[in-house]
Amino acid sequence: MIKLKKKILIIVLVTFFIDQFIKFLAIKYLTNVTIIPGFLSLVFAKNKGVAFSLLWGNRWAIIALSILLLSFLIHVLSKEYLSKKENDNFKNVTFGLLIGGIIGNLFDRIFRGYVIDYVSLNIFGYAFPIFNLADVCISVSVILLLISSIKEEKENKNKKVNVCL
């Protein structure tokens, strides 16, 4: 059985429960609310697709892909990171946010049939697709993974150069 590090599991659970609590509040109370005119609004939306409305209406395909992605991610984590004794807080947060966000949206798809979105941004006349906290956690964690990967690649190159000298 794959066992997540305690810190990652805590971040996953906190992310998931905050995401679901905000979505509960959105279902119960949210109507269209303008926070900053022409820039930020809170809007209740039922998203039956993934980012940018891809796979719209293909609930079971999205659920299957999400479960496959989550399984692959946990498998890679267990081989590449969780088996090591190191305790890298940057990676703990990154993986916790990623897994928590995926589980938050997966929960919606399984139990509601759609993902609840509520944040609407308009930047320089471009209306971004409406999103939620789970989407932010997923996006931020992907950016953090890219930064971590670039940083590790630079460190490995520096080690190789030092060994050669």
N, C-alpha and C. Protein backbone atom coordinates (compact mmCIF):
# COMPACT_ATOMS: atom_id res chain seq x y z
N MET A 1 0.83 -1.19 0.00
CA MET A 1 0.00 0.00 0.00
C MET A 1 0.88 1.25 0.00
N ILE A 2 0.48 2.23 -0.77
CA ILE A 2 1.23 3.47 -0.87
C ILE A 2 0.82 4.36 0.30
N LYS A 3 1.82 4.87 0.98
CA LYS A 3 1.56 5.71 2.15
C LYS A 3 2.16 7.09 1.91
N LEU A 4 1.31 8.12 1.98
CA LEU A 4 1.79 9.48 1.81
C LEU A 4 2.47 9.94 3.09
N LYS A 5 3.47 10.80 2.93
CA LYS A 5 4.10 11.39 4.10
C LYS A 5 3.05 12.19 4.86
N LYS A 6 3.20 12.23 6.17
CA LYS A 6 2.22 12.88 7.03
C LYS A 6 1.97 14.34 6.63
N LYS A 7 3.04 15.08 6.34
CA LYS A 7 2.89 16.48 5.96
C LYS A 7 2.10 16.62 4.66
N ILE A 8 2.38 15.76 3.69
CA ILE A 8 1.64 15.81 2.42
C ILE A 8 0.17 15.49 2.67
N LEU A 9 -0.08 14.46 3.45
CA LEU A 9 -1.46 14.07 3.74
C LEU A 9 -2.23 15.19 4.44
N ILE A 10 -1.60 15.87 5.36
CA ILE A 10 -2.26 16.99 6.06
C ILE A 10 -2.60 18.09 5.05
N ILE A 11 -1.68 18.42 4.16
CA ILE A 11 -1.93 19.46 3.16
C ILE A 11 -3.04 19.02 2.20
N VAL A 12 -3.04 17.75 1.80
CA VAL A 12 -4.11 17.22 0.95
C VAL A 12 -5.46 17.40 1.64
N LEU A 13 -5.56 16.98 2.89
CA LEU A 13 -6.83 17.05 3.62
C LEU A 13 -7.29 18.49 3.84
N VAL A 14 -6.37 19.37 4.22
CA VAL A 14 -6.73 20.77 4.43
C VAL A 14 -7.19 21.39 3.11
N THR A 15 -6.46 21.15 2.04
CA THR A 15 -6.84 21.67 0.72
C THR A 15 -8.22 21.17 0.32
N PHE A 16 -8.43 19.86 0.46
CA PHE A 16 -9.70 19.26 0.09
C PHE A 16 -10.86 19.86 0.89
N PHE A 17 -10.71 19.92 2.21
CA PHE A 17 -11.82 20.40 3.05
C PHE A 17 -12.11 21.89 2.86
N ILE A 18 -11.08 22.70 2.69
CA ILE A 18 -11.32 24.13 2.41
C ILE A 18 -12.01 24.29 1.06
N ASP A 19 -11.54 23.54 0.06
CA ASP A 19 -12.16 23.58 -1.27
C ASP A 19 -13.64 23.19 -1.19
N GLN A 20 -13.93 22.10 -0.52
CA GLN A 20 -15.32 21.64 -0.42
C GLN A 20 -16.19 22.58 0.40
N PHE A 21 -15.60 23.19 1.45
CA PHE A 21 -16.36 24.14 2.26
C PHE A 21 -16.74 25.38 1.44
N ILE A 22 -15.79 25.89 0.67
CA ILE A 22 -16.08 27.05 -0.18
C ILE A 22 -17.14 26.68 -1.23
N LYS A 23 -17.04 25.50 -1.80
CA LYS A 23 -18.03 25.06 -2.78
C LYS A 23 -19.41 24.89 -2.13
N PHE A 24 -19.44 24.40 -0.90
CA PHE A 24 -20.71 24.30 -0.16
C PHE A 24 -21.33 25.69 0.00
N LEU A 25 -20.50 26.67 0.40
CA LEU A 25 -21.00 28.04 0.56
C LEU A 25 -21.48 28.60 -0.79
N ALA A 26 -20.75 28.29 -1.86
CA ALA A 26 -21.14 28.76 -3.19
C ALA A 26 -22.51 28.19 -3.59
N ILE A 27 -22.72 26.90 -3.33
CA ILE A 27 -24.00 26.27 -3.66
C ILE A 27 -25.13 26.92 -2.86
N LYS A 28 -24.89 27.13 -1.60
CA LYS A 28 -25.93 27.59 -0.69
C LYS A 28 -26.24 29.08 -0.82
N TYR A 29 -25.20 29.91 -1.04
CA TYR A 29 -25.41 31.35 -0.91
C TYR A 29 -25.03 32.19 -2.13
N LEU A 30 -24.21 31.67 -3.03
CA LEU A 30 -23.64 32.54 -4.04
C LEU A 30 -24.60 32.87 -5.18
N THR A 31 -24.70 34.14 -5.42
CA THR A 31 -25.30 34.66 -6.64
C THR A 31 -24.18 35.46 -7.29
N ASN A 32 -24.44 36.13 -8.35
CA ASN A 32 -23.37 36.90 -8.99
C ASN A 32 -23.03 38.12 -8.13
N VAL A 33 -21.75 38.19 -7.72
CA VAL A 33 -21.28 39.29 -6.88
C VAL A 33 -20.05 39.90 -7.52
N THR A 34 -20.11 41.18 -7.79
CA THR A 34 -18.95 41.88 -8.34
C THR A 34 -18.10 42.38 -7.19
N ILE A 35 -16.85 41.96 -7.17
CA ILE A 35 -15.92 42.39 -6.13
C ILE A 35 -15.16 43.63 -6.61
N ILE A 36 -14.55 43.53 -7.77
CA ILE A 36 -13.85 44.67 -8.40
C ILE A 36 -14.44 44.80 -9.81
N PRO A 37 -15.23 45.83 -10.06
CA PRO A 37 -15.90 45.97 -11.36
C PRO A 37 -14.92 45.85 -12.54
N GLY A 38 -15.29 45.02 -13.51
CA GLY A 38 -14.49 44.84 -14.71
C GLY A 38 -13.27 43.95 -14.51
N PHE A 39 -13.10 43.40 -13.29
CA PHE A 39 -11.92 42.57 -13.03
C PHE A 39 -12.25 41.27 -12.30
N LEU A 40 -12.91 41.34 -11.14
CA LEU A 40 -13.13 40.16 -10.30
C LEU A 40 -14.58 40.05 -9.87
N SER A 41 -15.17 38.88 -10.14
CA SER A 41 -16.53 38.59 -9.71
C SER A 41 -16.60 37.19 -9.16
N LEU A 42 -17.57 36.96 -8.30
CA LEU A 42 -17.89 35.62 -7.83
C LEU A 42 -19.18 35.21 -8.51
N VAL A 43 -19.12 34.10 -9.25
CA VAL A 43 -20.23 33.65 -10.07
C VAL A 43 -20.38 32.14 -9.89
N PHE A 44 -21.56 31.67 -9.57
CA PHE A 44 -21.78 30.23 -9.42
C PHE A 44 -21.87 29.59 -10.80
N ALA A 45 -21.05 28.57 -11.04
CA ALA A 45 -21.07 27.88 -12.33
C ALA A 45 -20.89 26.38 -12.14
N LYS A 46 -21.61 25.62 -12.95
CA LYS A 46 -21.45 24.16 -12.97
C LYS A 46 -20.60 23.81 -14.18
N ASN A 47 -19.41 23.31 -13.93
CA ASN A 47 -18.46 23.00 -15.00
C ASN A 47 -18.51 21.49 -15.29
N LYS A 48 -18.98 21.13 -16.47
CA LYS A 48 -19.07 19.72 -16.86
C LYS A 48 -17.90 19.29 -17.74
N GLY A 49 -16.87 20.12 -17.79
CA GLY A 49 -15.67 19.80 -18.56
C GLY A 49 -14.44 19.94 -17.70
N VAL A 50 -13.31 20.11 -18.35
CA VAL A 50 -12.06 20.40 -17.65
C VAL A 50 -11.63 21.80 -18.10
N ALA A 51 -10.39 22.16 -17.90
CA ALA A 51 -9.91 23.49 -18.24
C ALA A 51 -10.30 23.87 -19.67
N PHE A 52 -10.74 25.12 -19.81
CA PHE A 52 -11.13 25.67 -21.11
C PHE A 52 -12.24 24.86 -21.78
N SER A 53 -13.10 24.24 -20.97
CA SER A 53 -14.26 23.46 -21.44
C SER A 53 -13.91 22.24 -22.27
N LEU A 54 -12.68 21.76 -22.16
CA LEU A 54 -12.30 20.53 -22.86
C LEU A 54 -13.10 19.36 -22.30
N LEU A 55 -13.40 18.40 -23.13
CA LEU A 55 -14.15 17.19 -22.77
C LEU A 55 -15.51 17.50 -22.14
N TRP A 56 -16.12 18.61 -22.52
CA TRP A 56 -17.39 19.03 -21.94
C TRP A 56 -18.43 17.91 -22.03
N GLY A 57 -19.04 17.59 -20.91
CA GLY A 57 -20.11 16.61 -20.87
C GLY A 57 -19.65 15.16 -20.83
N ASN A 58 -18.36 14.91 -20.84
CA ASN A 58 -17.82 13.55 -20.80
C ASN A 58 -17.41 13.20 -19.37
N ARG A 59 -18.39 13.23 -18.47
CA ARG A 59 -18.14 13.05 -17.04
C ARG A 59 -17.31 11.81 -16.72
N TRP A 60 -17.71 10.66 -17.24
CA TRP A 60 -17.03 9.41 -16.88
C TRP A 60 -15.63 9.32 -17.46
N ALA A 61 -15.44 9.90 -18.63
CA ALA A 61 -14.09 9.94 -19.21
C ALA A 61 -13.18 10.83 -18.36
N ILE A 62 -13.72 11.96 -17.91
CA ILE A 62 -12.94 12.87 -17.07
C ILE A 62 -12.63 12.21 -15.73
N ILE A 63 -13.61 11.51 -15.15
CA ILE A 63 -13.39 10.81 -13.88
C ILE A 63 -12.30 9.75 -14.06
N ALA A 64 -12.40 8.97 -15.13
CA ALA A 64 -11.40 7.92 -15.39
C ALA A 64 -10.01 8.53 -15.57
N LEU A 65 -9.91 9.61 -16.36
CA LEU A 65 -8.63 10.27 -16.57
C LEU A 65 -8.07 10.84 -15.26
N SER A 66 -8.94 11.41 -14.43
CA SER A 66 -8.51 11.96 -13.15
C SER A 66 -7.98 10.88 -12.22
N ILE A 67 -8.67 9.75 -12.19
CA ILE A 67 -8.21 8.64 -11.34
C ILE A 67 -6.89 8.09 -11.86
N LEU A 68 -6.77 7.95 -13.18
CA LEU A 68 -5.49 7.50 -13.76
C LEU A 68 -4.36 8.48 -13.44
N LEU A 69 -4.61 9.75 -13.59
CA LEU A 69 -3.60 10.77 -13.30
C LEU A 69 -3.21 10.73 -11.83
N LEU A 70 -4.19 10.64 -10.96
CA LEU A 70 -3.93 10.58 -9.52
C LEU A 70 -3.13 9.33 -9.16
N SER A 71 -3.50 8.20 -9.73
CA SER A 71 -2.79 6.94 -9.48
C SER A 71 -1.35 7.02 -9.97
N PHE A 72 -1.17 7.56 -11.18
CA PHE A 72 0.17 7.71 -11.74
C PHE A 72 1.01 8.65 -10.87
N LEU A 73 0.42 9.75 -10.46
CA LEU A 73 1.13 10.72 -9.62
C LEU A 73 1.57 10.08 -8.30
N ILE A 74 0.69 9.37 -7.65
CA ILE A 74 1.03 8.74 -6.37
C ILE A 74 2.07 7.64 -6.59
N HIS A 75 1.97 6.92 -7.70
CA HIS A 75 2.96 5.89 -8.01
C HIS A 75 4.35 6.52 -8.19
N VAL A 76 4.42 7.58 -8.99
CA VAL A 76 5.69 8.26 -9.23
C VAL A 76 6.21 8.84 -7.92
N LEU A 77 5.33 9.43 -7.15
CA LEU A 77 5.73 9.98 -5.85
C LEU A 77 6.34 8.91 -4.96
N SER A 78 5.69 7.76 -4.92
CA SER A 78 6.17 6.70 -4.03
C SER A 78 7.54 6.18 -4.45
N LYS A 79 7.81 6.17 -5.75
CA LYS A 79 9.10 5.68 -6.24
C LYS A 79 10.20 6.74 -6.15
N GLU A 80 9.86 7.96 -6.52
CA GLU A 80 10.87 8.99 -6.66
C GLU A 80 11.06 9.86 -5.42
N TYR A 81 10.06 9.97 -4.58
CA TYR A 81 10.17 10.93 -3.47
C TYR A 81 9.84 10.32 -2.11
N LEU A 82 8.72 9.63 -2.03
CA LEU A 82 8.27 9.14 -0.73
C LEU A 82 9.19 8.07 -0.15
N SER A 83 9.89 7.34 -1.00
CA SER A 83 10.78 6.28 -0.51
C SER A 83 12.06 6.85 0.11
N LYS A 84 12.35 8.11 -0.19
CA LYS A 84 13.56 8.74 0.36
C LYS A 84 13.26 9.28 1.76
N LYS A 85 14.28 9.36 2.56
CA LYS A 85 14.13 9.86 3.93
C LYS A 85 14.04 11.38 3.99
N GLU A 86 14.46 12.03 2.90
CA GLU A 86 14.50 13.50 2.91
C GLU A 86 13.12 14.08 3.21
N ASN A 87 13.11 15.25 3.80
CA ASN A 87 11.85 15.90 4.13
C ASN A 87 11.89 17.31 3.55
N ASP A 88 11.56 17.43 2.29
CA ASP A 88 11.61 18.69 1.56
C ASP A 88 10.24 19.36 1.66
N ASN A 89 10.14 20.41 2.47
CA ASN A 89 8.86 21.08 2.68
C ASN A 89 8.29 21.69 1.40
N PHE A 90 9.15 22.17 0.51
CA PHE A 90 8.71 22.71 -0.77
C PHE A 90 7.96 21.63 -1.55
N LYS A 91 8.54 20.44 -1.62
CA LYS A 91 7.89 19.34 -2.34
C LYS A 91 6.65 18.85 -1.60
N ASN A 92 6.70 18.82 -0.28
CA ASN A 92 5.53 18.41 0.49
C ASN A 92 4.33 19.30 0.16
N VAL A 93 4.56 20.61 0.17
CA VAL A 93 3.48 21.56 -0.13
C VAL A 93 3.02 21.39 -1.57
N THR A 94 3.98 21.29 -2.48
CA THR A 94 3.64 21.16 -3.91
C THR A 94 2.78 19.93 -4.16
N PHE A 95 3.23 18.77 -3.67
CA PHE A 95 2.47 17.54 -3.91
C PHE A 95 1.15 17.54 -3.15
N GLY A 96 1.14 18.12 -1.96
CA GLY A 96 -0.11 18.20 -1.18
C GLY A 96 -1.16 19.03 -1.89
N LEU A 97 -0.75 20.18 -2.42
CA LEU A 97 -1.69 21.04 -3.16
C LEU A 97 -2.19 20.36 -4.43
N LEU A 98 -1.28 19.71 -5.14
CA LEU A 98 -1.66 19.04 -6.39
C LEU A 98 -2.67 17.92 -6.14
N ILE A 99 -2.34 17.04 -5.21
CA ILE A 99 -3.23 15.91 -4.92
C ILE A 99 -4.55 16.41 -4.32
N GLY A 100 -4.48 17.38 -3.41
CA GLY A 100 -5.70 17.93 -2.81
C GLY A 100 -6.61 18.56 -3.84
N GLY A 101 -6.03 19.31 -4.77
CA GLY A 101 -6.83 19.93 -5.83
C GLY A 101 -7.47 18.92 -6.76
N ILE A 102 -6.69 17.91 -7.14
CA ILE A 102 -7.24 16.86 -8.02
C ILE A 102 -8.39 16.14 -7.32
N ILE A 103 -8.20 15.79 -6.05
CA ILE A 103 -9.24 15.08 -5.30
C ILE A 103 -10.48 15.96 -5.11
N GLY A 104 -10.27 17.27 -4.87
CA GLY A 104 -11.40 18.18 -4.71
C GLY A 104 -12.30 18.21 -5.94
N ASN A 105 -11.70 18.34 -7.11
CA ASN A 105 -12.50 18.37 -8.34
C ASN A 105 -13.03 16.98 -8.70
N LEU A 106 -12.27 15.95 -8.41
CA LEU A 106 -12.73 14.58 -8.67
C LEU A 106 -13.96 14.27 -7.81
N PHE A 107 -13.93 14.68 -6.56
CA PHE A 107 -15.07 14.49 -5.65
C PHE A 107 -16.32 15.13 -6.25
N ASP A 108 -16.18 16.36 -6.73
CA ASP A 108 -17.32 17.04 -7.36
C ASP A 108 -17.87 16.24 -8.54
N ARG A 109 -16.98 15.79 -9.40
CA ARG A 109 -17.42 15.06 -10.60
C ARG A 109 -18.14 13.77 -10.23
N ILE A 110 -17.62 13.06 -9.24
CA ILE A 110 -18.23 11.79 -8.85
C ILE A 110 -19.57 12.01 -8.16
N PHE A 111 -19.63 12.93 -7.19
CA PHE A 111 -20.82 13.06 -6.35
C PHE A 111 -21.81 14.13 -6.79
N ARG A 112 -21.39 15.07 -7.63
CA ARG A 112 -22.31 16.10 -8.10
C ARG A 112 -22.57 16.00 -9.60
N GLY A 113 -21.64 15.39 -10.33
CA GLY A 113 -21.79 15.28 -11.77
C GLY A 113 -21.14 16.44 -12.51
N TYR A 114 -20.59 17.39 -11.79
CA TYR A 114 -19.94 18.56 -12.36
C TYR A 114 -19.04 19.17 -11.29
N VAL A 115 -18.16 20.07 -11.70
CA VAL A 115 -17.30 20.79 -10.76
C VAL A 115 -17.91 22.17 -10.53
N ILE A 116 -17.91 22.58 -9.28
CA ILE A 116 -18.42 23.90 -8.93
C ILE A 116 -17.29 24.91 -9.08
N ASP A 117 -17.51 25.90 -9.93
CA ASP A 117 -16.57 27.00 -10.11
C ASP A 117 -17.24 28.29 -9.65
N TYR A 118 -16.42 29.28 -9.26
CA TYR A 118 -17.03 30.49 -8.70
C TYR A 118 -16.20 31.77 -8.86
N VAL A 119 -14.96 31.68 -9.31
CA VAL A 119 -14.14 32.89 -9.45
C VAL A 119 -14.07 33.26 -10.93
N SER A 120 -14.45 34.49 -11.22
CA SER A 120 -14.42 34.98 -12.60
C SER A 120 -13.49 36.20 -12.68
N LEU A 121 -12.48 36.09 -13.54
CA LEU A 121 -11.51 37.17 -13.73
C LEU A 121 -11.61 37.72 -15.14
N ASN A 122 -11.47 39.01 -15.26
CA ASN A 122 -11.41 39.67 -16.55
C ASN A 122 -10.15 40.53 -16.54
N ILE A 123 -9.16 40.13 -17.34
CA ILE A 123 -7.89 40.85 -17.36
C ILE A 123 -7.67 41.43 -18.75
N PHE A 124 -7.61 42.75 -18.81
CA PHE A 124 -7.42 43.48 -20.07
C PHE A 124 -8.43 43.03 -21.13
N GLY A 125 -9.68 42.88 -20.71
CA GLY A 125 -10.74 42.52 -21.64
C GLY A 125 -10.87 41.04 -21.93
N TYR A 126 -9.96 40.22 -21.40
CA TYR A 126 -10.06 38.77 -21.60
C TYR A 126 -10.72 38.14 -20.40
N ALA A 127 -11.86 37.50 -20.62
CA ALA A 127 -12.57 36.82 -19.55
C ALA A 127 -12.01 35.41 -19.39
N PHE A 128 -11.26 35.19 -18.32
CA PHE A 128 -10.71 33.86 -18.04
C PHE A 128 -11.85 32.89 -17.77
N PRO A 129 -11.63 31.60 -18.03
CA PRO A 129 -12.64 30.62 -17.63
C PRO A 129 -12.85 30.68 -16.11
N ILE A 130 -14.08 30.51 -15.68
CA ILE A 130 -14.39 30.55 -14.25
C ILE A 130 -13.69 29.36 -13.58
N PHE A 131 -13.15 29.59 -12.38
CA PHE A 131 -12.37 28.55 -11.71
C PHE A 131 -12.67 28.50 -10.22
N ASN A 132 -12.00 27.60 -9.50
CA ASN A 132 -12.22 27.43 -8.07
C ASN A 132 -10.87 27.24 -7.36
N LEU A 133 -10.92 27.05 -6.04
CA LEU A 133 -9.70 26.88 -5.26
C LEU A 133 -8.90 25.65 -5.69
N ALA A 134 -9.58 24.55 -5.96
CA ALA A 134 -8.88 23.33 -6.40
C ALA A 134 -8.09 23.60 -7.67
N ASP A 135 -8.68 24.34 -8.60
CA ASP A 135 -7.99 24.70 -9.84
C ASP A 135 -6.74 25.53 -9.55
N VAL A 136 -6.85 26.47 -8.61
CA VAL A 136 -5.71 27.30 -8.24
C VAL A 136 -4.61 26.43 -7.64
N CYS A 137 -4.99 25.50 -6.75
CA CYS A 137 -4.00 24.61 -6.13
C CYS A 137 -3.28 23.76 -7.18
N ILE A 138 -4.03 23.24 -8.13
CA ILE A 138 -3.44 22.43 -9.20
C ILE A 138 -2.49 23.29 -10.03
N SER A 139 -2.94 24.47 -10.44
CA SER A 139 -2.11 25.35 -11.28
C SER A 139 -0.84 25.80 -10.56
N VAL A 140 -0.99 26.21 -9.31
CA VAL A 140 0.17 26.65 -8.53
C VAL A 140 1.16 25.50 -8.35
N SER A 141 0.65 24.31 -8.06
CA SER A 141 1.55 23.17 -7.84
C SER A 141 2.29 22.78 -9.12
N VAL A 142 1.64 22.89 -10.25
CA VAL A 142 2.32 22.59 -11.52
C VAL A 142 3.44 23.60 -11.75
N ILE A 143 3.18 24.87 -11.47
CA ILE A 143 4.22 25.90 -11.59
C ILE A 143 5.36 25.61 -10.62
N LEU A 144 5.03 25.25 -9.38
CA LEU A 144 6.06 24.92 -8.39
C LEU A 144 6.88 23.70 -8.82
N LEU A 145 6.22 22.70 -9.42
CA LEU A 145 6.95 21.53 -9.92
C LEU A 145 7.92 21.91 -11.03
N LEU A 146 7.50 22.80 -11.91
CA LEU A 146 8.39 23.27 -12.97
C LEU A 146 9.58 24.01 -12.39
N ILE A 147 9.34 24.88 -11.43
CA ILE A 147 10.43 25.62 -10.78
C ILE A 147 11.39 24.64 -10.10
N SER A 148 10.83 23.67 -9.38
CA SER A 148 11.65 22.68 -8.69
C SER A 148 12.49 21.87 -9.68
N SER A 149 11.87 21.49 -10.78
CA SER A 149 12.57 20.71 -11.80
C SER A 149 13.72 21.50 -12.41
N ILE A 150 13.48 22.76 -12.72
CA ILE A 150 14.53 23.63 -13.29
C ILE A 150 15.66 23.81 -12.27
N LYS A 151 15.28 24.03 -11.01
CA LYS A 151 16.27 24.22 -9.95
C LYS A 151 17.13 22.96 -9.78
N GLU A 152 16.50 21.79 -9.76
CA GLU A 152 17.24 20.53 -9.61
C GLU A 152 18.16 20.28 -10.80
N GLU A 153 17.67 20.63 -11.99
CA GLU A 153 18.49 20.44 -13.20
C GLU A 153 19.75 21.32 -13.13
N LYS A 154 19.59 22.56 -12.68
CA LYS A 154 20.73 23.46 -12.54
C LYS A 154 21.72 22.92 -11.50
N GLU A 155 21.19 22.44 -10.37
CA GLU A 155 22.05 21.89 -9.31
C GLU A 155 22.82 20.67 -9.81
N ASN A 156 22.15 19.81 -10.57
CA ASN A 156 22.81 18.62 -11.12
C ASN A 156 23.91 19.01 -12.11
N LYS A 157 23.67 20.03 -12.93
CA LYS A 157 24.69 20.49 -13.87
C LYS A 157 25.89 21.05 -13.11
N ASN A 158 25.61 21.81 -12.04
CA ASN A 158 26.70 22.37 -11.23
C ASN A 158 27.52 21.28 -10.56
N LYS A 159 26.86 20.22 -10.11
CA LYS A 159 27.58 19.10 -9.49
C LYS A 159 28.48 18.41 -10.51
N LYS A 160 27.96 18.22 -11.73
CA LYS A 160 28.75 17.58 -12.79
C LYS A 160 29.96 18.43 -13.15
N VAL A 161 29.78 19.74 -13.21
CA VAL A 161 30.89 20.64 -13.53
C VAL A 161 31.94 20.57 -12.43
N ASN A 162 31.51 20.58 -11.18
CA ASN A 162 32.44 20.52 -10.05
C ASN A 162 33.19 19.19 -10.01
N VAL A 163 32.53 18.11 -10.37
CA VAL A 163 33.18 16.81 -10.39
C VAL A 163 34.24 16.76 -11.48
N CYS A 164 33.95 17.37 -12.60
CA CYS A 164 34.89 17.38 -13.73
C CYS A 164 36.12 18.23 -13.44
N LEU A 165 35.97 19.24 -12.61
CA LEU A 165 37.11 20.13 -12.32
C LEU A 165 38.02 19.44 -11.39
